[in-house]
Amino acid sequence: MIHFECDYLEGAHPAILKRLIETNMEKTPGYGIDIYCEEARKKIRKACNCPDGEVFFLTGGTQTNATVIDAMVSRSEGVIAADSGHISTHEAGAIEASGHKVLVLPHDNGKLSANLIQQYIEKFYSIETHEHMVYPGMVYISHPTEYGTLYTKKELEEISLVCHRNEIPLYLDGARLGYALMAKDTDITLEVIAKNCDAFYIGGTKVGALFGEAVVFTKPNKIKHFFTIVKQHGALLAKGRLLGIQFDTLFDNNLYFAISKNAIEMADKLKGIFEEKGYKFFLKTPTNQQFIILENEKMKQLSEKVTFSFWETLDESHSVVRFATSWATSEEDIEELRKIL
């Protein structure tokens, strides 16, 4: 079997494992108050050109989303998201479980538009009985989106303007952020994200780490007592240095960007193979996720030798499936897929 169902199948990049072994017997303070976490914070602030940013390390994406949203949104508020967004679909109601409704809007290939967000907010406040309803208290987007698509700098700036005009924060889910940043022809950088978002996270779990996400608050001291809020959510790792070491390694010598680029290069080769073999795309993206239309019988046959993700039903006889490359996808994996197809 060869595997393309997601981008977190492997353990971790060898450089991270090497650092973990080298530092294994060291004794350091817990809860992220150690030299490795501090070095990682410095490197992340520099990469984002956000010298005053506050950086925290959590272990997983759903945990990070639930903790950050609960910290930034009041009890009477919910969070605007695309109806395809991760918090809307694949987080088991984690946001609702923390007491905040996800306010879903229609997506355009996974993306929200500034105009749609503004219209929703204006309509909300035009309703005479809006005090009986859940207030829009934040906008959540992901980059890349669940469909592997990317926002442009202009689109992000427009959404940021709407949020700040309406005095609500903009939060960006960066679970696969490395793959977005290394996509061809993108004009969004870490610096652009830091300039336009109130909070975002840099995904490690799906981009070379064993586990871990780095949350960046771009406006210092805006979120009071976030350390304590993390603890309340059961999200404070006692051996916090395990997170710091991983991100210190990923942001040393541009490793995070180099391994992300591999996923993009392998995705381009994968696209070429499907085109060469005459397969139809549901959505051809610039990132590591590619969406292919398969006849159901062909899908069944292919799944005997290749793993991929079922995405949605297209019609009675066809399905949309997702193939995902990763930081660790090899040329051999791609060539084996070519042979199987």
C-alpha atoms as a PDB file:
ATOM      1  CA  MET A   1       0.000   0.000   0.000  1.00  0.00           C
ATOM      2  CA  ILE A   2       1.013   3.592  -0.608  1.00  0.00           C
ATOM      3  CA  HIS A   3      -0.571   6.347   1.425  1.00  0.00           C
ATOM      4  CA  PHE A   4      -2.025   9.704   0.439  1.00  0.00           C
ATOM      5  CA  GLU A   5      -4.982  10.045   2.816  1.00  0.00           C
ATOM      6  CA  CYS A   6      -3.529  12.860   4.945  1.00  0.00           C
ATOM      7  CA  ASP A   7      -0.371  14.813   5.729  1.00  0.00           C
ATOM      8  CA  TYR A   8       0.365  13.530   9.240  1.00  0.00           C
ATOM      9  CA  LEU A   9       0.993   9.828   8.625  1.00  0.00           C
ATOM     10  CA  GLU A  10       4.692   9.863   9.482  1.00  0.00           C
ATOM     11  CA  GLY A  11       6.193  10.557  12.897  1.00  0.00           C
ATOM     12  CA  ALA A  12       8.510  13.563  12.695  1.00  0.00           C
ATOM     13  CA  HIS A  13      11.349  15.000  10.668  1.00  0.00           C
ATOM     14  CA  PRO A  14      14.650  13.280  11.598  1.00  0.00           C
ATOM     15  CA  ALA A  15      16.173  16.594  12.711  1.00  0.00           C
ATOM     16  CA  ILE A  16      13.489  16.896  15.390  1.00  0.00           C
ATOM     17  CA  LEU A  17      13.996  13.339  16.618  1.00  0.00           C
ATOM     18  CA  LYS A  18      17.744  13.975  16.778  1.00  0.00           C
ATOM     19  CA  ARG A  19      17.251  17.098  18.932  1.00  0.00           C
ATOM     20  CA  LEU A  20      14.810  15.309  21.211  1.00  0.00           C
ATOM     21  CA  ILE A  21      17.316  12.503  21.777  1.00  0.00           C
ATOM     22  CA  GLU A  22      20.208  14.910  22.324  1.00  0.00           C
ATOM     23  CA  THR A  23      18.274  16.860  24.970  1.00  0.00           C
ATOM     24  CA  ASN A  24      16.432  13.909  26.483  1.00  0.00           C
ATOM     25  CA  MET A  25      18.265  13.782  29.823  1.00  0.00           C
ATOM     26  CA  GLU A  26      18.424  17.526  30.375  1.00  0.00           C
ATOM     27  CA  LYS A  27      16.488  18.968  33.278  1.00  0.00           C
ATOM     28  CA  THR A  28      14.447  22.055  32.402  1.00  0.00           C
ATOM     29  CA  PRO A  29      11.512  23.938  33.966  1.00  0.00           C
ATOM     30  CA  GLY A  30       8.065  22.794  32.863  1.00  0.00           C
ATOM     31  CA  TYR A  31       5.043  24.362  31.186  1.00  0.00           C
ATOM     32  CA  GLY A  32       6.973  26.117  28.425  1.00  0.00           C
ATOM     33  CA  ILE A  33       9.184  28.164  30.732  1.00  0.00           C
ATOM     34  CA  ASP A  34      12.444  26.809  29.329  1.00  0.00           C
ATOM     35  CA  ILE A  35      15.252  27.918  27.035  1.00  0.00           C
ATOM     36  CA  TYR A  36      14.014  25.909  24.055  1.00  0.00           C
ATOM     37  CA  CYS A  37      10.517  27.415  24.093  1.00  0.00           C
ATOM     38  CA  GLU A  38      12.013  30.885  24.468  1.00  0.00           C
ATOM     39  CA  GLU A  39      14.405  30.356  21.542  1.00  0.00           C
ATOM     40  CA  ALA A  40      11.515  29.067  19.420  1.00  0.00           C
ATOM     41  CA  ARG A  41       9.451  32.138  20.332  1.00  0.00           C
ATOM     42  CA  LYS A  42      12.279  34.433  19.258  1.00  0.00           C
ATOM     43  CA  LYS A  43      12.640  32.685  15.907  1.00  0.00           C
ATOM     44  CA  ILE A  44       8.885  32.747  15.252  1.00  0.00           C
ATOM     45  CA  ARG A  45       8.604  36.456  16.107  1.00  0.00           C
ATOM     46  CA  LYS A  46      11.474  37.164  13.733  1.00  0.00           C
ATOM     47  CA  ALA A  47       9.958  35.054  10.939  1.00  0.00           C
ATOM     48  CA  CYS A  48       6.654  36.924  11.348  1.00  0.00           C
ATOM     49  CA  ASN A  49       8.334  40.330  11.719  1.00  0.00           C
ATOM     50  CA  CYS A  50       6.194  40.695  14.815  1.00  0.00           C
ATOM     51  CA  PRO A  51       8.670  41.546  17.601  1.00  0.00           C
ATOM     52  CA  ASP A  52       5.961  42.196  20.187  1.00  0.00           C
ATOM     53  CA  GLY A  53       3.892  39.103  19.384  1.00  0.00           C
ATOM     54  CA  GLU A  54       3.057  36.633  22.118  1.00  0.00           C
ATOM     55  CA  VAL A  55       3.723  32.975  21.262  1.00  0.00           C
ATOM     56  CA  PHE A  56       2.267  29.936  23.027  1.00  0.00           C
ATOM     57  CA  PHE A  57       2.679  26.246  22.249  1.00  0.00           C
ATOM     58  CA  LEU A  58      -0.226  23.775  22.317  1.00  0.00           C
ATOM     59  CA  THR A  59      -0.346  20.163  21.207  1.00  0.00           C
ATOM     60  CA  GLY A  60      -3.119  19.830  18.591  1.00  0.00           C
ATOM     61  CA  GLY A  61      -5.331  21.741  16.191  1.00  0.00           C
ATOM     62  CA  THR A  62      -8.773  21.162  17.711  1.00  0.00           C
ATOM     63  CA  GLN A  63      -7.393  21.872  21.175  1.00  0.00           C
ATOM     64  CA  THR A  64      -5.816  25.070  19.888  1.00  0.00           C
ATOM     65  CA  ASN A  65      -8.959  26.283  18.115  1.00  0.00           C
ATOM     66  CA  ALA A  66     -11.186  25.594  21.120  1.00  0.00           C
ATOM     67  CA  THR A  67      -8.789  27.288  23.559  1.00  0.00           C
ATOM     68  CA  VAL A  68      -8.055  30.378  21.466  1.00  0.00           C
ATOM     69  CA  ILE A  69     -11.678  30.964  20.490  1.00  0.00           C
ATOM     70  CA  ASP A  70     -12.882  30.549  24.072  1.00  0.00           C
ATOM     71  CA  ALA A  71     -10.228  33.034  25.217  1.00  0.00           C
ATOM     72  CA  MET A  72     -11.081  35.678  22.617  1.00  0.00           C
ATOM     73  CA  VAL A  73     -14.870  35.429  22.461  1.00  0.00           C
ATOM     74  CA  SER A  74     -17.239  36.433  25.260  1.00  0.00           C
ATOM     75  CA  ARG A  75     -20.042  34.232  26.622  1.00  0.00           C
ATOM     76  CA  SER A  76     -22.657  36.013  24.501  1.00  0.00           C
ATOM     77  CA  GLU A  77     -20.725  35.650  21.247  1.00  0.00           C
ATOM     78  CA  GLY A  78     -20.165  33.065  18.543  1.00  0.00           C
ATOM     79  CA  VAL A  79     -17.630  32.736  15.747  1.00  0.00           C
ATOM     80  CA  ILE A  80     -18.259  33.258  12.029  1.00  0.00           C
ATOM     81  CA  ALA A  81     -16.841  30.486   9.850  1.00  0.00           C
ATOM     82  CA  ALA A  82     -17.344  28.942   6.435  1.00  0.00           C
ATOM     83  CA  ASP A  83     -19.792  26.047   6.476  1.00  0.00           C
ATOM     84  CA  SER A  84     -16.911  23.896   5.217  1.00  0.00           C
ATOM     85  CA  GLY A  85     -14.533  25.154   7.935  1.00  0.00           C
ATOM     86  CA  HIS A  86     -12.789  22.710  10.226  1.00  0.00           C
ATOM     87  CA  ILE A  87     -14.502  24.045  13.350  1.00  0.00           C
ATOM     88  CA  SER A  88     -17.836  23.691  11.519  1.00  0.00           C
ATOM     89  CA  THR A  89     -17.392  20.098  10.408  1.00  0.00           C
ATOM     90  CA  HIS A  90     -14.560  17.982  11.795  1.00  0.00           C
ATOM     91  CA  GLU A  91     -14.036  19.114  15.367  1.00  0.00           C
ATOM     92  CA  ALA A  92     -16.919  17.202  16.954  1.00  0.00           C
ATOM     93  CA  GLY A  93     -18.645  20.348  18.204  1.00  0.00           C
ATOM     94  CA  ALA A  94     -15.611  21.380  20.286  1.00  0.00           C
ATOM     95  CA  ILE A  95     -16.412  25.079  19.895  1.00  0.00           C
ATOM     96  CA  GLU A  96     -20.052  24.586  20.859  1.00  0.00           C
ATOM     97  CA  ALA A  97     -18.947  22.439  23.799  1.00  0.00           C
ATOM     98  CA  SER A  98     -17.044  25.454  25.136  1.00  0.00           C
ATOM     99  CA  GLY A  99     -20.228  27.548  24.961  1.00  0.00           C
ATOM    100  CA  HIS A 100     -19.793  29.345  21.638  1.00  0.00           C
ATOM    101  CA  LYS A 101     -21.946  28.797  18.565  1.00  0.00           C
ATOM    102  CA  VAL A 102     -20.309  28.464  15.165  1.00  0.00           C
ATOM    103  CA  LEU A 103     -22.130  30.907  12.860  1.00  0.00           C
ATOM    104  CA  VAL A 104     -21.739  29.347   9.419  1.00  0.00           C
ATOM    105  CA  LEU A 105     -21.709  31.197   6.105  1.00  0.00           C
ATOM    106  CA  PRO A 106     -21.602  29.707   2.580  1.00  0.00           C
ATOM    107  CA  HIS A 107     -18.128  29.097   1.218  1.00  0.00           C
ATOM    108  CA  ASP A 108     -16.605  29.653  -2.196  1.00  0.00           C
ATOM    109  CA  ASN A 109     -14.192  26.725  -2.650  1.00  0.00           C
ATOM    110  CA  GLY A 110     -13.578  26.838   1.091  1.00  0.00           C
ATOM    111  CA  LYS A 111     -13.160  30.611   1.373  1.00  0.00           C
ATOM    112  CA  LEU A 112     -15.177  33.377   3.023  1.00  0.00           C
ATOM    113  CA  SER A 113     -15.549  36.796   1.407  1.00  0.00           C
ATOM    114  CA  ALA A 114     -15.328  40.141   3.146  1.00  0.00           C
ATOM    115  CA  ASN A 115     -18.618  41.259   1.567  1.00  0.00           C
ATOM    116  CA  LEU A 116     -20.497  38.231   2.876  1.00  0.00           C
ATOM    117  CA  ILE A 117     -19.123  38.751   6.386  1.00  0.00           C
ATOM    118  CA  GLN A 118     -20.096  42.431   6.334  1.00  0.00           C
ATOM    119  CA  GLN A 119     -23.587  41.615   5.070  1.00  0.00           C
ATOM    120  CA  TYR A 120     -24.069  39.059   7.843  1.00  0.00           C
ATOM    121  CA  ILE A 121     -23.006  41.493  10.554  1.00  0.00           C
ATOM    122  CA  GLU A 122     -25.183  44.310   9.170  1.00  0.00           C
ATOM    123  CA  LYS A 123     -28.198  42.007   8.920  1.00  0.00           C
ATOM    124  CA  PHE A 124     -27.646  40.784  12.479  1.00  0.00           C
ATOM    125  CA  TYR A 125     -27.722  44.272  13.969  1.00  0.00           C
ATOM    126  CA  SER A 126     -30.676  45.312  11.785  1.00  0.00           C
ATOM    127  CA  ILE A 127     -32.877  42.722  13.460  1.00  0.00           C
ATOM    128  CA  GLU A 128     -34.839  44.353  16.265  1.00  0.00           C
ATOM    129  CA  THR A 129     -34.570  41.285  18.478  1.00  0.00           C
ATOM    130  CA  HIS A 130     -30.841  40.669  17.944  1.00  0.00           C
ATOM    131  CA  GLU A 131     -30.206  40.791  21.702  1.00  0.00           C
ATOM    132  CA  HIS A 132     -31.979  37.429  21.859  1.00  0.00           C
ATOM    133  CA  MET A 133     -29.449  35.986  19.408  1.00  0.00           C
ATOM    134  CA  VAL A 134     -25.781  34.966  19.412  1.00  0.00           C
ATOM    135  CA  TYR A 135     -23.553  37.940  18.619  1.00  0.00           C
ATOM    136  CA  PRO A 136     -20.880  37.612  15.921  1.00  0.00           C
ATOM    137  CA  GLY A 137     -17.743  37.914  18.053  1.00  0.00           C
ATOM    138  CA  MET A 138     -14.961  36.647  15.778  1.00  0.00           C
ATOM    139  CA  VAL A 139     -14.176  35.589  12.224  1.00  0.00           C
ATOM    140  CA  TYR A 140     -12.401  32.254  11.741  1.00  0.00           C
ATOM    141  CA  ILE A 141     -10.663  31.347   8.494  1.00  0.00           C
ATOM    142  CA  SER A 142      -8.131  28.679   7.590  1.00  0.00           C
ATOM    143  CA  HIS A 143      -5.197  29.003   5.214  1.00  0.00           C
ATOM    144  CA  PRO A 144      -5.109  26.749   3.286  1.00  0.00           C
ATOM    145  CA  THR A 145      -8.832  26.076   3.439  1.00  0.00           C
ATOM    146  CA  GLU A 146     -10.394  22.628   3.776  1.00  0.00           C
ATOM    147  CA  TYR A 147     -10.421  22.539  -0.026  1.00  0.00           C
ATOM    148  CA  GLY A 148      -6.722  23.322  -0.308  1.00  0.00           C
ATOM    149  CA  THR A 149      -7.412  26.792  -1.675  1.00  0.00           C
ATOM    150  CA  LEU A 150      -5.613  29.980  -0.682  1.00  0.00           C
ATOM    151  CA  TYR A 151      -6.613  33.503   0.211  1.00  0.00           C
ATOM    152  CA  THR A 152      -4.841  36.306  -1.622  1.00  0.00           C
ATOM    153  CA  LYS A 153      -3.251  39.204   0.223  1.00  0.00           C
ATOM    154  CA  LYS A 154      -6.060  41.447  -1.026  1.00  0.00           C
ATOM    155  CA  GLU A 155      -8.762  39.068   0.235  1.00  0.00           C
ATOM    156  CA  LEU A 156      -7.103  38.753   3.637  1.00  0.00           C
ATOM    157  CA  GLU A 157      -6.733  42.527   3.934  1.00  0.00           C
ATOM    158  CA  GLU A 158     -10.396  43.029   3.024  1.00  0.00           C
ATOM    159  CA  ILE A 159     -11.553  40.521   5.654  1.00  0.00           C
ATOM    160  CA  SER A 160      -9.226  42.100   8.213  1.00  0.00           C
ATOM    161  CA  LEU A 161     -10.695  45.541   7.444  1.00  0.00           C
ATOM    162  CA  VAL A 162     -14.258  44.258   7.936  1.00  0.00           C
ATOM    163  CA  CYS A 163     -13.326  42.639  11.250  1.00  0.00           C
ATOM    164  CA  HIS A 164     -11.591  45.683  12.657  1.00  0.00           C
ATOM    165  CA  ARG A 165     -14.300  48.033  11.373  1.00  0.00           C
ATOM    166  CA  ASN A 166     -16.793  45.947  13.346  1.00  0.00           C
ATOM    167  CA  GLU A 167     -14.427  45.553  16.314  1.00  0.00           C
ATOM    168  CA  ILE A 168     -14.168  41.780  16.237  1.00  0.00           C
ATOM    169  CA  PRO A 169     -10.931  39.764  15.979  1.00  0.00           C
ATOM    170  CA  LEU A 170      -9.750  37.814  12.956  1.00  0.00           C
ATOM    171  CA  TYR A 171      -8.321  34.368  13.743  1.00  0.00           C
ATOM    172  CA  LEU A 172      -6.505  32.211  11.185  1.00  0.00           C
ATOM    173  CA  ASP A 173      -6.189  28.425  11.514  1.00  0.00           C
ATOM    174  CA  GLY A 174      -2.775  27.495  10.134  1.00  0.00           C
ATOM    175  CA  ALA A 175      -2.777  23.736  10.607  1.00  0.00           C
ATOM    176  CA  ARG A 176      -1.245  23.398   7.121  1.00  0.00           C
ATOM    177  CA  LEU A 177       0.254  26.870   6.997  1.00  0.00           C
ATOM    178  CA  GLY A 178       3.643  25.732   5.708  1.00  0.00           C
ATOM    179  CA  TYR A 179       2.034  24.323   2.576  1.00  0.00           C
ATOM    180  CA  ALA A 180       0.191  27.596   1.976  1.00  0.00           C
ATOM    181  CA  LEU A 181       3.313  29.705   2.392  1.00  0.00           C
ATOM    182  CA  MET A 182       5.323  27.588  -0.068  1.00  0.00           C
ATOM    183  CA  ALA A 183       2.635  27.345  -2.749  1.00  0.00           C
ATOM    184  CA  LYS A 184       3.591  28.875  -6.086  1.00  0.00           C
ATOM    185  CA  ASP A 185       2.445  32.439  -6.889  1.00  0.00           C
ATOM    186  CA  THR A 186       1.036  33.145  -3.429  1.00  0.00           C
ATOM    187  CA  ASP A 187       1.449  36.692  -2.132  1.00  0.00           C
ATOM    188  CA  ILE A 188       0.736  35.852   1.507  1.00  0.00           C
ATOM    189  CA  THR A 189       3.670  35.557   3.896  1.00  0.00           C
ATOM    190  CA  LEU A 190       3.934  35.117   7.658  1.00  0.00           C
ATOM    191  CA  GLU A 191       4.467  38.867   7.896  1.00  0.00           C
ATOM    192  CA  VAL A 192       1.258  39.576   5.939  1.00  0.00           C
ATOM    193  CA  ILE A 193      -0.681  37.204   8.215  1.00  0.00           C
ATOM    194  CA  ALA A 194       0.740  38.799  11.364  1.00  0.00           C
ATOM    195  CA  LYS A 195      -0.138  42.258  10.078  1.00  0.00           C
ATOM    196  CA  ASN A 196      -3.776  41.399   9.311  1.00  0.00           C
ATOM    197  CA  CYS A 197      -4.781  38.832  11.945  1.00  0.00           C
ATOM    198  CA  ASP A 198      -5.289  39.264  15.672  1.00  0.00           C
ATOM    199  CA  ALA A 199      -4.299  35.657  16.243  1.00  0.00           C
ATOM    200  CA  PHE A 200      -3.168  32.699  14.172  1.00  0.00           C
ATOM    201  CA  TYR A 201      -1.328  29.463  14.624  1.00  0.00           C
ATOM    202  CA  ILE A 202       1.558  27.835  12.818  1.00  0.00           C
ATOM    203  CA  GLY A 203       0.825  24.143  12.408  1.00  0.00           C
ATOM    204  CA  GLY A 204       3.487  21.647  13.350  1.00  0.00           C
ATOM    205  CA  THR A 205       1.506  18.399  13.594  1.00  0.00           C
ATOM    206  CA  LYS A 206       0.911  18.318   9.817  1.00  0.00           C
ATOM    207  CA  VAL A 207       4.230  19.908   8.887  1.00  0.00           C
ATOM    208  CA  GLY A 208       7.041  17.802  10.275  1.00  0.00           C
ATOM    209  CA  ALA A 209       6.510  17.793  14.054  1.00  0.00           C
ATOM    210  CA  LEU A 210       5.516  14.849  16.211  1.00  0.00           C
ATOM    211  CA  PHE A 211       2.799  17.127  17.534  1.00  0.00           C
ATOM    212  CA  GLY A 212       2.341  20.792  18.298  1.00  0.00           C
ATOM    213  CA  GLU A 213       0.963  24.130  17.143  1.00  0.00           C
ATOM    214  CA  ALA A 214       2.438  27.587  17.771  1.00  0.00           C
ATOM    215  CA  VAL A 215      -0.194  30.233  18.566  1.00  0.00           C
ATOM    216  CA  VAL A 216       0.736  33.834  17.809  1.00  0.00           C
ATOM    217  CA  PHE A 217      -1.163  36.780  19.277  1.00  0.00           C
ATOM    218  CA  THR A 218      -0.102  39.789  17.244  1.00  0.00           C
ATOM    219  CA  LYS A 219      -1.313  42.427  19.679  1.00  0.00           C
ATOM    220  CA  PRO A 220       0.551  41.996  22.990  1.00  0.00           C
ATOM    221  CA  ASN A 221      -1.418  41.800  26.244  1.00  0.00           C
ATOM    222  CA  LYS A 222      -4.770  41.847  24.436  1.00  0.00           C
ATOM    223  CA  ILE A 223      -5.679  38.407  25.805  1.00  0.00           C
ATOM    224  CA  LYS A 224      -5.349  38.492  29.576  1.00  0.00           C
ATOM    225  CA  HIS A 225      -4.126  35.410  31.409  1.00  0.00           C
ATOM    226  CA  PHE A 226      -3.969  33.169  28.340  1.00  0.00           C
ATOM    227  CA  PHE A 227      -1.511  30.869  30.127  1.00  0.00           C
ATOM    228  CA  THR A 228      -4.165  30.262  32.791  1.00  0.00           C
ATOM    229  CA  ILE A 229      -6.885  29.743  30.171  1.00  0.00           C
ATOM    230  CA  VAL A 230      -4.714  27.107  28.476  1.00  0.00           C
ATOM    231  CA  LYS A 231      -4.395  25.352  31.854  1.00  0.00           C
ATOM    232  CA  GLN A 232      -8.168  25.499  32.388  1.00  0.00           C
ATOM    233  CA  HIS A 233      -8.644  23.738  29.057  1.00  0.00           C
ATOM    234  CA  GLY A 234      -6.304  20.931  30.065  1.00  0.00           C
ATOM    235  CA  ALA A 235      -4.031  22.061  27.255  1.00  0.00           C
ATOM    236  CA  LEU A 236      -0.901  22.988  29.208  1.00  0.00           C
ATOM    237  CA  LEU A 237       1.813  20.414  28.578  1.00  0.00           C
ATOM    238  CA  ALA A 238       3.923  19.836  31.694  1.00  0.00           C
ATOM    239  CA  LYS A 239       6.948  18.846  29.591  1.00  0.00           C
ATOM    240  CA  GLY A 240       6.562  21.983  27.532  1.00  0.00           C
ATOM    241  CA  ARG A 241      10.104  21.821  26.228  1.00  0.00           C
ATOM    242  CA  LEU A 242       9.026  18.975  23.926  1.00  0.00           C
ATOM    243  CA  LEU A 243       7.065  21.586  21.977  1.00  0.00           C
ATOM    244  CA  GLY A 244       9.773  24.220  22.179  1.00  0.00           C
ATOM    245  CA  ILE A 245      12.468  21.896  20.871  1.00  0.00           C
ATOM    246  CA  GLN A 246      10.329  20.947  17.881  1.00  0.00           C
ATOM    247  CA  PHE A 247       9.551  24.514  16.840  1.00  0.00           C
ATOM    248  CA  ASP A 248      13.084  25.677  17.605  1.00  0.00           C
ATOM    249  CA  THR A 249      14.252  23.000  15.156  1.00  0.00           C
ATOM    250  CA  LEU A 250      11.580  23.740  12.535  1.00  0.00           C
ATOM    251  CA  PHE A 251      12.466  27.435  12.518  1.00  0.00           C
ATOM    252  CA  ASP A 252      16.201  26.860  12.392  1.00  0.00           C
ATOM    253  CA  ASN A 253      17.758  27.395   8.957  1.00  0.00           C
ATOM    254  CA  ASN A 254      14.281  27.628   7.333  1.00  0.00           C
ATOM    255  CA  LEU A 255      13.605  23.909   7.828  1.00  0.00           C
ATOM    256  CA  TYR A 256       9.837  24.517   8.147  1.00  0.00           C
ATOM    257  CA  PHE A 257       9.730  26.140   4.724  1.00  0.00           C
ATOM    258  CA  ALA A 258      12.076  23.674   3.044  1.00  0.00           C
ATOM    259  CA  ILE A 259      10.094  20.589   4.053  1.00  0.00           C
ATOM    260  CA  SER A 260       6.809  22.321   3.189  1.00  0.00           C
ATOM    261  CA  LYS A 261       8.149  22.982  -0.297  1.00  0.00           C
ATOM    262  CA  ASN A 262       8.645  19.234  -0.759  1.00  0.00           C
ATOM    263  CA  ALA A 263       4.912  18.650  -0.309  1.00  0.00           C
ATOM    264  CA  ILE A 264       4.135  21.244  -2.995  1.00  0.00           C
ATOM    265  CA  GLU A 265       6.639  19.752  -5.432  1.00  0.00           C
ATOM    266  CA  MET A 266       5.242  16.251  -4.892  1.00  0.00           C
ATOM    267  CA  ALA A 267       1.664  17.545  -5.279  1.00  0.00           C
ATOM    268  CA  ASP A 268       2.616  19.074  -8.631  1.00  0.00           C
ATOM    269  CA  LYS A 269       3.986  15.712  -9.782  1.00  0.00           C
ATOM    270  CA  LEU A 270       0.854  13.983  -8.505  1.00  0.00           C
ATOM    271  CA  LYS A 271      -1.329  16.415 -10.470  1.00  0.00           C
ATOM    272  CA  GLY A 272       0.704  15.714 -13.573  1.00  0.00           C
ATOM    273  CA  ILE A 273       0.158  11.970 -13.250  1.00  0.00           C
ATOM    274  CA  PHE A 274      -3.611  12.308 -12.882  1.00  0.00           C
ATOM    275  CA  GLU A 275      -3.719  14.646 -15.886  1.00  0.00           C
ATOM    276  CA  GLU A 276      -1.553  12.268 -17.918  1.00  0.00           C
ATOM    277  CA  LYS A 277      -3.865   9.351 -17.074  1.00  0.00           C
ATOM    278  CA  GLY A 278      -7.002  11.299 -18.021  1.00  0.00           C
ATOM    279  CA  TYR A 279      -8.574  11.672 -14.590  1.00  0.00           C
ATOM    280  CA  LYS A 280     -10.908  14.588 -13.884  1.00  0.00           C
ATOM    281  CA  PHE A 281     -10.293  17.053 -11.079  1.00  0.00           C
ATOM    282  CA  PHE A 282     -13.065  18.279  -8.801  1.00  0.00           C
ATOM    283  CA  LEU A 283     -10.675  20.981  -7.647  1.00  0.00           C
ATOM    284  CA  LYS A 284      -7.074  21.543  -8.689  1.00  0.00           C
ATOM    285  CA  THR A 285      -5.325  23.488  -5.929  1.00  0.00           C
ATOM    286  CA  PRO A 286      -1.918  25.156  -5.493  1.00  0.00           C
ATOM    287  CA  THR A 287      -1.301  23.316  -2.214  1.00  0.00           C
ATOM    288  CA  ASN A 288      -0.719  19.731  -1.071  1.00  0.00           C
ATOM    289  CA  GLN A 289      -4.374  18.649  -1.276  1.00  0.00           C
ATOM    290  CA  GLN A 290      -5.779  17.533  -4.635  1.00  0.00           C
ATOM    291  CA  PHE A 291      -9.402  16.565  -5.258  1.00  0.00           C
ATOM    292  CA  ILE A 292     -10.114  13.922  -7.905  1.00  0.00           C
ATOM    293  CA  ILE A 293     -13.394  12.593  -9.311  1.00  0.00           C
ATOM    294  CA  LEU A 294     -13.534   8.791  -9.389  1.00  0.00           C
ATOM    295  CA  GLU A 295     -16.135   6.327 -10.566  1.00  0.00           C
ATOM    296  CA  ASN A 296     -17.270   4.441  -7.485  1.00  0.00           C
ATOM    297  CA  GLU A 297     -16.113   1.093  -8.888  1.00  0.00           C
ATOM    298  CA  LYS A 298     -12.726   2.590  -9.788  1.00  0.00           C
ATOM    299  CA  MET A 299     -12.501   4.071  -6.293  1.00  0.00           C
ATOM    300  CA  LYS A 300     -13.084   0.634  -4.779  1.00  0.00           C
ATOM    301  CA  GLN A 301     -10.416  -0.942  -6.979  1.00  0.00           C
ATOM    302  CA  LEU A 302      -7.882   1.788  -6.319  1.00  0.00           C
ATOM    303  CA  SER A 303      -8.392   1.608  -2.550  1.00  0.00           C
ATOM    304  CA  GLU A 304      -7.011  -1.926  -2.576  1.00  0.00           C
ATOM    305  CA  LYS A 305      -3.541  -0.513  -3.314  1.00  0.00           C
ATOM    306  CA  VAL A 306      -3.686   3.185  -2.407  1.00  0.00           C
ATOM    307  CA  THR A 307      -5.113   5.031   0.579  1.00  0.00           C
ATOM    308  CA  PHE A 308      -6.869   8.380   0.071  1.00  0.00           C
ATOM    309  CA  SER A 309      -9.756  10.262   1.691  1.00  0.00           C
ATOM    310  CA  PHE A 310     -13.374  10.109   0.601  1.00  0.00           C
ATOM    311  CA  TRP A 311     -14.511  13.721   0.414  1.00  0.00           C
ATOM    312  CA  GLU A 312     -18.078  13.871  -0.869  1.00  0.00           C
ATOM    313  CA  THR A 313     -20.591  12.199  -3.164  1.00  0.00           C
ATOM    314  CA  LEU A 314     -20.731  13.806  -6.600  1.00  0.00           C
ATOM    315  CA  ASP A 315     -23.584  11.756  -8.082  1.00  0.00           C
ATOM    316  CA  GLU A 316     -24.914   8.191  -7.991  1.00  0.00           C
ATOM    317  CA  SER A 317     -21.868   6.724  -9.699  1.00  0.00           C
ATOM    318  CA  HIS A 318     -19.046   9.175  -8.861  1.00  0.00           C
ATOM    319  CA  SER A 319     -17.290  10.393  -5.719  1.00  0.00           C
ATOM    320  CA  VAL A 320     -14.830  13.136  -4.890  1.00  0.00           C
ATOM    321  CA  VAL A 321     -11.689  11.913  -3.136  1.00  0.00           C
ATOM    322  CA  ARG A 322      -8.704  13.761  -1.731  1.00  0.00           C
ATOM    323  CA  PHE A 323      -5.048  12.916  -2.243  1.00  0.00           C
ATOM    324  CA  ALA A 324      -2.673  14.690   0.139  1.00  0.00           C
ATOM    325  CA  THR A 325       1.092  14.911  -0.070  1.00  0.00           C
ATOM    326  CA  SER A 326       3.267  15.870   2.899  1.00  0.00           C
ATOM    327  CA  TRP A 327       6.698  17.026   3.968  1.00  0.00           C
ATOM    328  CA  ALA A 328       7.765  13.364   3.791  1.00  0.00           C
ATOM    329  CA  THR A 329       6.209  12.262   0.485  1.00  0.00           C
ATOM    330  CA  SER A 330       8.913  10.761  -1.716  1.00  0.00           C
ATOM    331  CA  GLU A 331       9.539  10.488  -5.447  1.00  0.00           C
ATOM    332  CA  GLU A 332       9.169   6.713  -4.966  1.00  0.00           C
ATOM    333  CA  ASP A 333       5.626   7.197  -3.613  1.00  0.00           C
ATOM    334  CA  ILE A 334       4.685   9.244  -6.664  1.00  0.00           C
ATOM    335  CA  GLU A 335       6.233   6.779  -9.109  1.00  0.00           C
ATOM    336  CA  GLU A 336       4.444   3.854  -7.451  1.00  0.00           C
ATOM    337  CA  LEU A 337       1.145   5.709  -7.833  1.00  0.00           C
ATOM    338  CA  ARG A 338       1.885   6.206 -11.514  1.00  0.00           C
ATOM    339  CA  LYS A 339       2.372   2.439 -11.933  1.00  0.00           C
ATOM    340  CA  ILE A 340      -0.830   1.606 -10.086  1.00  0.00           C
ATOM    341  CA  LEU A 341      -2.921   4.066 -12.082  1.00  0.00           C
END
